Amino acid sequence: MPKSKLRKKVKDSASHHEQVVSHEPAPLDSPSWLAPTMVGAFLIGLIWIVVFYITQTSYPIPGIGAWNMVVGFAFIGVGFSLATKWR
């Protein structure tokens, strides 16, 4: 019995399994409000903690005691999170 001819597979330039995804370039400049807000959050957090220590844990908010430290560090954390978006 004669052998049949083998067919060659045609390779497409772009396979249907691959999809071309176009990405928009990220903006190169940060918003104008970002740097002042970031520095402000750092300073408010620092001043909050310094006032807490200077007044021997009485202020800035007298009723919450040592939670004033958490509030101060929360402001500093907001500053750090904004710093990650600064370009």
N, C-alpha and C. Protein backbone atom coordinates (compact mmCIF):
# COMPACT_ATOMS: atom_id res chain seq x y z
N MET A 1 0.85 -1.16 0.00
CA MET A 1 0.00 0.00 0.00
C MET A 1 0.90 1.24 0.00
N PRO A 2 0.61 2.19 -0.87
CA PRO A 2 1.45 3.39 -0.94
C PRO A 2 1.25 4.30 0.27
N LYS A 3 2.31 4.97 0.66
CA LYS A 3 2.27 5.87 1.80
C LYS A 3 1.67 7.21 1.37
N SER A 4 0.78 7.74 2.21
CA SER A 4 0.14 9.02 1.87
C SER A 4 1.10 10.17 2.16
N LYS A 5 0.87 11.28 1.47
CA LYS A 5 1.72 12.45 1.65
C LYS A 5 1.42 13.11 3.00
N LEU A 6 2.47 13.57 3.67
CA LEU A 6 2.30 14.29 4.93
C LEU A 6 2.03 15.76 4.65
N ARG A 7 1.11 16.30 5.36
CA ARG A 7 0.79 17.72 5.19
C ARG A 7 1.60 18.55 6.18
N LYS A 8 2.06 19.65 5.70
CA LYS A 8 2.81 20.56 6.56
C LYS A 8 1.83 21.53 7.21
N LYS A 9 2.03 21.75 8.52
CA LYS A 9 1.16 22.69 9.23
C LYS A 9 1.65 24.10 8.98
N VAL A 10 0.72 24.96 8.70
CA VAL A 10 1.06 26.36 8.46
C VAL A 10 1.01 27.09 9.80
N LYS A 11 2.11 27.73 10.15
CA LYS A 11 2.16 28.48 11.41
C LYS A 11 1.67 29.90 11.18
N ASP A 12 0.72 30.29 11.98
CA ASP A 12 0.22 31.67 11.90
C ASP A 12 1.21 32.60 12.59
N SER A 13 1.25 33.83 12.12
CA SER A 13 2.16 34.79 12.75
C SER A 13 1.71 35.12 14.17
N ALA A 14 0.41 35.14 14.41
CA ALA A 14 -0.11 35.35 15.75
C ALA A 14 -1.05 34.20 16.07
N SER A 15 -0.68 33.43 17.04
CA SER A 15 -1.50 32.30 17.41
C SER A 15 -2.80 32.77 18.05
N HIS A 16 -3.84 31.99 17.90
CA HIS A 16 -5.11 32.40 18.49
C HIS A 16 -5.10 32.20 20.00
N HIS A 17 -4.09 31.54 20.54
CA HIS A 17 -3.96 31.37 21.98
C HIS A 17 -3.32 32.60 22.65
N GLU A 18 -2.57 33.33 21.89
CA GLU A 18 -1.89 34.51 22.43
C GLU A 18 -2.72 35.74 22.12
N GLN A 19 -2.86 36.58 23.11
CA GLN A 19 -3.59 37.82 22.91
C GLN A 19 -2.64 38.98 23.15
N VAL A 20 -2.77 39.98 22.33
CA VAL A 20 -1.94 41.16 22.46
C VAL A 20 -2.66 42.12 23.40
N VAL A 21 -1.98 42.50 24.47
CA VAL A 21 -2.57 43.41 25.45
C VAL A 21 -1.80 44.71 25.41
N SER A 22 -2.50 45.79 25.20
CA SER A 22 -1.84 47.08 25.19
C SER A 22 -2.09 47.77 26.53
N HIS A 23 -1.02 48.29 27.10
CA HIS A 23 -1.10 48.98 28.38
C HIS A 23 -0.91 50.47 28.16
N GLU A 24 -1.69 51.24 28.88
CA GLU A 24 -1.48 52.68 28.83
C GLU A 24 -0.31 53.03 29.74
N PRO A 25 0.54 53.93 29.34
CA PRO A 25 1.67 54.27 30.20
C PRO A 25 1.20 54.98 31.46
N ALA A 26 1.88 54.72 32.55
CA ALA A 26 1.53 55.34 33.82
C ALA A 26 1.91 56.82 33.78
N PRO A 27 1.16 57.66 34.45
CA PRO A 27 1.52 59.08 34.47
C PRO A 27 2.87 59.28 35.15
N LEU A 28 3.68 60.15 34.60
CA LEU A 28 5.03 60.35 35.12
C LEU A 28 5.09 61.34 36.26
N ASP A 29 4.08 62.17 36.42
CA ASP A 29 4.08 63.16 37.49
C ASP A 29 3.04 62.78 38.53
N SER A 30 3.36 63.08 39.78
CA SER A 30 2.39 62.85 40.84
C SER A 30 1.47 64.07 40.93
N PRO A 31 0.27 63.89 41.50
CA PRO A 31 -0.63 65.02 41.64
C PRO A 31 -0.03 66.11 42.52
N SER A 32 -0.45 67.33 42.32
CA SER A 32 0.14 68.46 43.06
C SER A 32 -0.21 68.42 44.54
N TRP A 33 -1.27 67.77 44.93
CA TRP A 33 -1.67 67.72 46.33
C TRP A 33 -0.94 66.64 47.11
N LEU A 34 -0.26 65.73 46.44
CA LEU A 34 0.30 64.56 47.11
C LEU A 34 1.44 64.91 48.05
N ALA A 35 2.42 65.66 47.60
CA ALA A 35 3.58 65.96 48.44
C ALA A 35 3.20 66.78 49.68
N PRO A 36 2.40 67.86 49.57
CA PRO A 36 2.03 68.58 50.79
C PRO A 36 1.21 67.73 51.76
N THR A 37 0.34 66.87 51.25
CA THR A 37 -0.45 66.02 52.12
C THR A 37 0.42 64.98 52.82
N MET A 38 1.39 64.44 52.09
CA MET A 38 2.30 63.45 52.66
C MET A 38 3.14 64.07 53.77
N VAL A 39 3.74 65.22 53.51
CA VAL A 39 4.57 65.89 54.52
C VAL A 39 3.71 66.32 55.70
N GLY A 40 2.49 66.78 55.42
CA GLY A 40 1.59 67.18 56.50
C GLY A 40 1.23 66.01 57.39
N ALA A 41 0.97 64.84 56.81
CA ALA A 41 0.65 63.66 57.62
C ALA A 41 1.84 63.25 58.47
N PHE A 42 3.06 63.30 57.91
CA PHE A 42 4.25 62.99 58.70
C PHE A 42 4.39 63.96 59.88
N LEU A 43 4.24 65.24 59.60
CA LEU A 43 4.42 66.25 60.65
C LEU A 43 3.34 66.16 61.73
N ILE A 44 2.09 65.96 61.33
CA ILE A 44 1.02 65.84 62.32
C ILE A 44 1.26 64.63 63.21
N GLY A 45 1.66 63.52 62.63
CA GLY A 45 1.95 62.33 63.43
C GLY A 45 3.12 62.55 64.38
N LEU A 46 4.16 63.19 63.90
CA LEU A 46 5.32 63.47 64.75
C LEU A 46 4.96 64.42 65.88
N ILE A 47 4.26 65.50 65.56
CA ILE A 47 3.87 66.47 66.59
C ILE A 47 2.91 65.82 67.59
N TRP A 48 2.01 64.97 67.12
CA TRP A 48 1.06 64.28 67.99
C TRP A 48 1.81 63.45 69.04
N ILE A 49 2.81 62.69 68.59
CA ILE A 49 3.57 61.83 69.51
C ILE A 49 4.43 62.66 70.46
N VAL A 50 5.03 63.74 69.95
CA VAL A 50 5.86 64.60 70.81
C VAL A 50 5.00 65.26 71.89
N VAL A 51 3.83 65.76 71.53
CA VAL A 51 2.94 66.37 72.52
C VAL A 51 2.51 65.33 73.55
N PHE A 52 2.27 64.11 73.11
CA PHE A 52 1.89 63.03 74.01
C PHE A 52 2.98 62.79 75.06
N TYR A 53 4.24 62.80 74.64
CA TYR A 53 5.32 62.56 75.59
C TYR A 53 5.61 63.77 76.46
N ILE A 54 5.57 64.96 75.89
CA ILE A 54 5.88 66.17 76.66
C ILE A 54 4.86 66.40 77.76
N THR A 55 3.60 66.13 77.48
CA THR A 55 2.56 66.36 78.48
C THR A 55 2.37 65.16 79.41
N GLN A 56 3.28 64.24 79.39
CA GLN A 56 3.26 63.05 80.24
C GLN A 56 1.95 62.28 80.09
N THR A 57 1.63 61.95 78.86
CA THR A 57 0.48 61.15 78.42
C THR A 57 -0.88 61.77 78.75
N SER A 58 -0.95 63.10 78.90
CA SER A 58 -2.22 63.75 79.18
C SER A 58 -2.93 64.24 77.92
N TYR A 59 -2.19 64.71 76.96
CA TYR A 59 -2.76 65.30 75.75
C TYR A 59 -2.21 64.58 74.54
N PRO A 60 -2.64 64.75 73.37
CA PRO A 60 -3.60 65.62 72.71
C PRO A 60 -5.06 65.28 73.03
N ILE A 61 -5.43 64.02 73.21
CA ILE A 61 -6.80 63.68 73.61
C ILE A 61 -6.70 63.04 75.00
N PRO A 62 -7.17 63.74 76.03
CA PRO A 62 -6.96 63.24 77.40
C PRO A 62 -7.65 61.92 77.70
N GLY A 63 -8.78 61.64 77.13
CA GLY A 63 -9.56 60.48 77.53
C GLY A 63 -9.09 59.14 76.99
N ILE A 64 -8.23 59.13 75.99
CA ILE A 64 -7.89 57.84 75.37
C ILE A 64 -6.54 57.30 75.81
N GLY A 65 -5.81 58.02 76.60
CA GLY A 65 -4.56 57.51 77.18
C GLY A 65 -3.51 57.16 76.13
N ALA A 66 -3.01 55.93 76.22
CA ALA A 66 -1.91 55.49 75.35
C ALA A 66 -2.36 55.29 73.91
N TRP A 67 -3.65 55.32 73.63
CA TRP A 67 -4.11 55.21 72.25
C TRP A 67 -3.70 56.42 71.43
N ASN A 68 -3.27 57.48 72.11
CA ASN A 68 -2.73 58.64 71.39
C ASN A 68 -1.52 58.24 70.55
N MET A 69 -0.75 57.25 71.02
CA MET A 69 0.38 56.76 70.23
C MET A 69 -0.10 56.12 68.93
N VAL A 70 -1.19 55.38 69.01
CA VAL A 70 -1.74 54.73 67.82
C VAL A 70 -2.20 55.78 66.82
N VAL A 71 -2.83 56.84 67.32
CA VAL A 71 -3.29 57.91 66.43
C VAL A 71 -2.10 58.57 65.75
N GLY A 72 -1.04 58.85 66.51
CA GLY A 72 0.15 59.47 65.93
C GLY A 72 0.79 58.58 64.87
N PHE A 73 0.92 57.29 65.18
CA PHE A 73 1.51 56.38 64.20
C PHE A 73 0.58 56.15 63.01
N ALA A 74 -0.72 56.30 63.19
CA ALA A 74 -1.64 56.19 62.06
C ALA A 74 -1.40 57.32 61.07
N PHE A 75 -1.18 58.54 61.58
CA PHE A 75 -0.86 59.65 60.69
C PHE A 75 0.45 59.39 59.94
N ILE A 76 1.43 58.86 60.64
CA ILE A 76 2.71 58.55 59.99
C ILE A 76 2.53 57.44 58.95
N GLY A 77 1.67 56.46 59.25
CA GLY A 77 1.39 55.39 58.29
C GLY A 77 0.71 55.92 57.04
N VAL A 78 -0.19 56.89 57.20
CA VAL A 78 -0.82 57.52 56.04
C VAL A 78 0.23 58.24 55.20
N GLY A 79 1.18 58.90 55.87
CA GLY A 79 2.26 59.57 55.15
C GLY A 79 3.10 58.58 54.35
N PHE A 80 3.39 57.43 54.93
CA PHE A 80 4.17 56.41 54.21
C PHE A 80 3.38 55.83 53.04
N SER A 81 2.09 55.63 53.23
CA SER A 81 1.31 55.10 52.11
C SER A 81 1.22 56.10 50.96
N LEU A 82 1.17 57.39 51.28
CA LEU A 82 1.19 58.40 50.23
C LEU A 82 2.56 58.49 49.56
N ALA A 83 3.61 58.22 50.33
CA ALA A 83 4.97 58.27 49.78
C ALA A 83 5.20 57.20 48.72
N THR A 84 4.45 56.11 48.78
CA THR A 84 4.61 55.07 47.77
C THR A 84 4.04 55.50 46.42
N LYS A 85 3.17 56.48 46.40
CA LYS A 85 2.57 56.95 45.15
C LYS A 85 3.28 58.17 44.56
N TRP A 86 4.28 58.67 45.28
CA TRP A 86 4.99 59.88 44.85
C TRP A 86 6.01 59.54 43.78
N ARG A 87 6.03 60.34 42.71
CA ARG A 87 7.00 60.13 41.62
C ARG A 87 7.78 61.39 41.39
